[in-house]
Amino acid sequence: MTSEDWVEHRRAGDRELLGWVRPHGDDVVAVDRLGRDASAPGDWLAAEEALEDRGLGWLADLWELELDDGTVARVRLVEVDPTRIVVKADDLGSVDVPLTTWTLPFPAPPALRPFAGDAGRLDGLPG
């Protein structure tokens, strides 16, 4: 959950939430939609620029989730809000497979990270 001292930063055109700006001593830090720092401590303008530069497109990328048993699942983000993050197993757009989802806390835990495998391979392995 976000803190009361986090200030929303929204895109000018459509007012879509890009993240937050939070205090950090005498400076501020940009925080992305997953609740992770998106800039080093600095001034307000630099934090806003970091969020504008990042945008929202990265949320549609392929992700990986390290499960409790140590295996890694290829996942897509389904829901991202300041109370929880829901991911689903990457089913490659199939409509006839069971839906497997995981609900994660906000901010996102380190177990959720950008996909590191070969996205062009179904098994996700390198090369």
C-alpha atoms as a PDB file:
ATOM      1  CA  MET A   1       0.000   0.000   0.000  1.00  0.00           C
ATOM      2  CA  THR A   2       1.232   3.507  -0.741  1.00  0.00           C
ATOM      3  CA  SER A   3       2.132   5.900   2.026  1.00  0.00           C
ATOM      4  CA  GLU A   4       0.139   9.063   2.649  1.00  0.00           C
ATOM      5  CA  ASP A   5       3.186  11.147   1.726  1.00  0.00           C
ATOM      6  CA  TRP A   6       3.432   9.638  -1.785  1.00  0.00           C
ATOM      7  CA  VAL A   7       2.088  12.002  -4.448  1.00  0.00           C
ATOM      8  CA  GLU A   8       0.494  10.567  -7.585  1.00  0.00           C
ATOM      9  CA  HIS A   9       2.020  11.470 -10.932  1.00  0.00           C
ATOM     10  CA  ARG A  10      -0.346  11.178 -13.892  1.00  0.00           C
ATOM     11  CA  ARG A  11       0.208  11.548 -17.627  1.00  0.00           C
ATOM     12  CA  ALA A  12      -0.912  14.925 -18.909  1.00  0.00           C
ATOM     13  CA  GLY A  13      -2.990  13.663 -21.852  1.00  0.00           C
ATOM     14  CA  ASP A  14      -5.155  10.911 -20.372  1.00  0.00           C
ATOM     15  CA  ARG A  15      -4.431  11.312 -16.636  1.00  0.00           C
ATOM     16  CA  GLU A  16      -3.275   7.678 -16.441  1.00  0.00           C
ATOM     17  CA  LEU A  17      -1.328   6.981 -13.244  1.00  0.00           C
ATOM     18  CA  LEU A  18       2.376   6.534 -14.034  1.00  0.00           C
ATOM     19  CA  GLY A  19       3.547   6.222 -10.431  1.00  0.00           C
ATOM     20  CA  TRP A  20       4.276   8.326  -7.414  1.00  0.00           C
ATOM     21  CA  VAL A  21       6.820  10.777  -6.101  1.00  0.00           C
ATOM     22  CA  ARG A  22       7.830  10.095  -2.506  1.00  0.00           C
ATOM     23  CA  PRO A  23       9.992  12.041  -0.076  1.00  0.00           C
ATOM     24  CA  HIS A  24      13.516  10.840   0.602  1.00  0.00           C
ATOM     25  CA  GLY A  25      15.150  13.144   3.128  1.00  0.00           C
ATOM     26  CA  ASP A  26      15.506  16.547   1.461  1.00  0.00           C
ATOM     27  CA  ASP A  27      15.015  14.948  -1.968  1.00  0.00           C
ATOM     28  CA  VAL A  28      12.306  12.904  -3.672  1.00  0.00           C
ATOM     29  CA  VAL A  29      12.290   9.554  -5.490  1.00  0.00           C
ATOM     30  CA  ALA A  30      10.095   8.344  -8.358  1.00  0.00           C
ATOM     31  CA  VAL A  31       8.172   5.148  -7.592  1.00  0.00           C
ATOM     32  CA  ASP A  32       6.792   3.054 -10.463  1.00  0.00           C
ATOM     33  CA  ARG A  33       3.434   1.274 -10.644  1.00  0.00           C
ATOM     34  CA  LEU A  34       4.907  -1.846  -9.021  1.00  0.00           C
ATOM     35  CA  GLY A  35       5.979   0.227  -6.021  1.00  0.00           C
ATOM     36  CA  ARG A  36       9.668   0.064  -6.895  1.00  0.00           C
ATOM     37  CA  ASP A  37      12.040   3.010  -6.962  1.00  0.00           C
ATOM     38  CA  ALA A  38      12.373   4.332 -10.513  1.00  0.00           C
ATOM     39  CA  SER A  39      14.937   7.061  -9.867  1.00  0.00           C
ATOM     40  CA  ALA A  40      17.758   8.006  -7.576  1.00  0.00           C
ATOM     41  CA  PRO A  41      17.007  10.640  -4.934  1.00  0.00           C
ATOM     42  CA  GLY A  42      16.882  14.048  -6.564  1.00  0.00           C
ATOM     43  CA  ASP A  43      14.593  16.954  -7.308  1.00  0.00           C
ATOM     44  CA  TRP A  44      10.891  16.816  -8.120  1.00  0.00           C
ATOM     45  CA  LEU A  45      11.317  17.482 -11.831  1.00  0.00           C
ATOM     46  CA  ALA A  46      13.839  14.631 -12.219  1.00  0.00           C
ATOM     47  CA  ALA A  47      11.440  12.228 -10.477  1.00  0.00           C
ATOM     48  CA  GLU A  48       8.559  13.237 -12.745  1.00  0.00           C
ATOM     49  CA  GLU A  49      10.772  12.913 -15.826  1.00  0.00           C
ATOM     50  CA  ALA A  50      11.810   9.416 -14.738  1.00  0.00           C
ATOM     51  CA  LEU A  51       8.157   8.365 -14.569  1.00  0.00           C
ATOM     52  CA  GLU A  52       7.324  10.018 -17.896  1.00  0.00           C
ATOM     53  CA  ASP A  53      10.311   8.325 -19.565  1.00  0.00           C
ATOM     54  CA  ARG A  54       9.326   4.935 -18.149  1.00  0.00           C
ATOM     55  CA  GLY A  55       5.674   5.263 -19.142  1.00  0.00           C
ATOM     56  CA  LEU A  56       3.396   2.231 -18.855  1.00  0.00           C
ATOM     57  CA  GLY A  57       4.357   0.024 -21.804  1.00  0.00           C
ATOM     58  CA  TRP A  58       6.794  -2.001 -19.707  1.00  0.00           C
ATOM     59  CA  LEU A  59       3.857  -3.382 -17.728  1.00  0.00           C
ATOM     60  CA  ALA A  60       2.809  -5.365 -20.826  1.00  0.00           C
ATOM     61  CA  ASP A  61       6.205  -7.077 -21.057  1.00  0.00           C
ATOM     62  CA  LEU A  62       6.815 -10.709 -20.226  1.00  0.00           C
ATOM     63  CA  TRP A  63       7.743 -11.300 -16.565  1.00  0.00           C
ATOM     64  CA  GLU A  64       8.948 -14.183 -14.463  1.00  0.00           C
ATOM     65  CA  LEU A  65       7.878 -15.169 -10.985  1.00  0.00           C
ATOM     66  CA  GLU A  66      10.061 -17.300  -8.757  1.00  0.00           C
ATOM     67  CA  LEU A  67       7.717 -19.631  -6.905  1.00  0.00           C
ATOM     68  CA  ASP A  68       8.114 -20.898  -3.356  1.00  0.00           C
ATOM     69  CA  ASP A  69       9.553 -24.205  -4.593  1.00  0.00           C
ATOM     70  CA  GLY A  70      12.290 -22.380  -6.542  1.00  0.00           C
ATOM     71  CA  THR A  71      10.807 -22.933  -9.998  1.00  0.00           C
ATOM     72  CA  VAL A  72      10.300 -19.938 -12.248  1.00  0.00           C
ATOM     73  CA  ALA A  73       6.992 -19.302 -14.020  1.00  0.00           C
ATOM     74  CA  ARG A  74       6.618 -17.175 -17.128  1.00  0.00           C
ATOM     75  CA  VAL A  75       3.884 -14.648 -16.267  1.00  0.00           C
ATOM     76  CA  ARG A  76       1.977 -11.603 -17.457  1.00  0.00           C
ATOM     77  CA  LEU A  77       0.683  -8.806 -15.264  1.00  0.00           C
ATOM     78  CA  VAL A  78      -3.109  -8.849 -14.972  1.00  0.00           C
ATOM     79  CA  GLU A  79      -3.818  -6.253 -12.296  1.00  0.00           C
ATOM     80  CA  VAL A  80      -1.567  -3.647 -10.721  1.00  0.00           C
ATOM     81  CA  ASP A  81      -2.874  -1.369  -8.010  1.00  0.00           C
ATOM     82  CA  PRO A  82      -1.613   0.045  -4.702  1.00  0.00           C
ATOM     83  CA  THR A  83      -3.004  -2.900  -2.728  1.00  0.00           C
ATOM     84  CA  ARG A  84      -1.959  -5.917  -4.774  1.00  0.00           C
ATOM     85  CA  ILE A  85      -0.449  -7.213  -7.990  1.00  0.00           C
ATOM     86  CA  VAL A  86      -2.064 -10.120  -9.834  1.00  0.00           C
ATOM     87  CA  VAL A  87      -0.087 -12.119 -12.386  1.00  0.00           C
ATOM     88  CA  LYS A  88      -1.152 -15.050 -14.548  1.00  0.00           C
ATOM     89  CA  ALA A  89       0.785 -17.857 -16.146  1.00  0.00           C
ATOM     90  CA  ASP A  90       1.730 -16.837 -19.673  1.00  0.00           C
ATOM     91  CA  ASP A  91      -0.684 -18.934 -21.721  1.00  0.00           C
ATOM     92  CA  LEU A  92       0.405 -17.402 -25.048  1.00  0.00           C
ATOM     93  CA  GLY A  93      -3.112 -16.027 -25.538  1.00  0.00           C
ATOM     94  CA  SER A  94      -4.823 -19.417 -25.443  1.00  0.00           C
ATOM     95  CA  VAL A  95      -8.460 -19.389 -24.357  1.00  0.00           C
ATOM     96  CA  ASP A  96      -8.756 -23.114 -23.664  1.00  0.00           C
ATOM     97  CA  VAL A  97      -6.232 -23.614 -20.858  1.00  0.00           C
ATOM     98  CA  PRO A  98      -6.905 -23.308 -17.134  1.00  0.00           C
ATOM     99  CA  LEU A  99      -6.147 -19.844 -15.768  1.00  0.00           C
ATOM    100  CA  THR A 100      -3.403 -19.910 -13.153  1.00  0.00           C
ATOM    101  CA  THR A 101      -2.939 -16.698 -11.165  1.00  0.00           C
ATOM    102  CA  TRP A 102      -0.882 -15.512  -8.237  1.00  0.00           C
ATOM    103  CA  THR A 103      -1.720 -12.532  -6.041  1.00  0.00           C
ATOM    104  CA  LEU A 104       1.329 -10.637  -4.815  1.00  0.00           C
ATOM    105  CA  PRO A 105       1.639  -7.834  -2.296  1.00  0.00           C
ATOM    106  CA  PHE A 106       2.334  -4.214  -3.198  1.00  0.00           C
ATOM    107  CA  PRO A 107       5.093  -3.204  -3.600  1.00  0.00           C
ATOM    108  CA  ALA A 108       6.019  -6.119  -5.842  1.00  0.00           C
ATOM    109  CA  PRO A 109       8.375  -8.612  -4.207  1.00  0.00           C
ATOM    110  CA  PRO A 110      11.802  -9.342  -5.733  1.00  0.00           C
ATOM    111  CA  ALA A 111      10.432 -12.738  -6.873  1.00  0.00           C
ATOM    112  CA  LEU A 112       8.656 -10.840  -9.677  1.00  0.00           C
ATOM    113  CA  ARG A 113      11.155  -9.641 -12.234  1.00  0.00           C
ATOM    114  CA  PRO A 114      11.488  -8.943 -15.949  1.00  0.00           C
ATOM    115  CA  PHE A 115      11.668 -12.157 -17.961  1.00  0.00           C
ATOM    116  CA  ALA A 116      15.295 -13.228 -18.443  1.00  0.00           C
ATOM    117  CA  GLY A 117      14.793 -16.153 -20.824  1.00  0.00           C
ATOM    118  CA  ASP A 118      14.300 -16.242 -24.569  1.00  0.00           C
ATOM    119  CA  ALA A 119      10.758 -14.959 -25.103  1.00  0.00           C
ATOM    120  CA  GLY A 120      10.756 -16.507 -28.585  1.00  0.00           C
ATOM    121  CA  ARG A 121      11.021 -20.024 -27.179  1.00  0.00           C
ATOM    122  CA  LEU A 122       8.066 -21.712 -25.563  1.00  0.00           C
ATOM    123  CA  ASP A 123      10.275 -23.244 -22.903  1.00  0.00           C
ATOM    124  CA  GLY A 124      11.852 -19.833 -22.245  1.00  0.00           C
ATOM    125  CA  LEU A 125      15.365 -21.198 -22.229  1.00  0.00           C
ATOM    126  CA  PRO A 126      18.294 -19.275 -23.693  1.00  0.00           C
ATOM    127  CA  GLY A 127      19.432 -19.991 -27.283  1.00  0.00           C
END
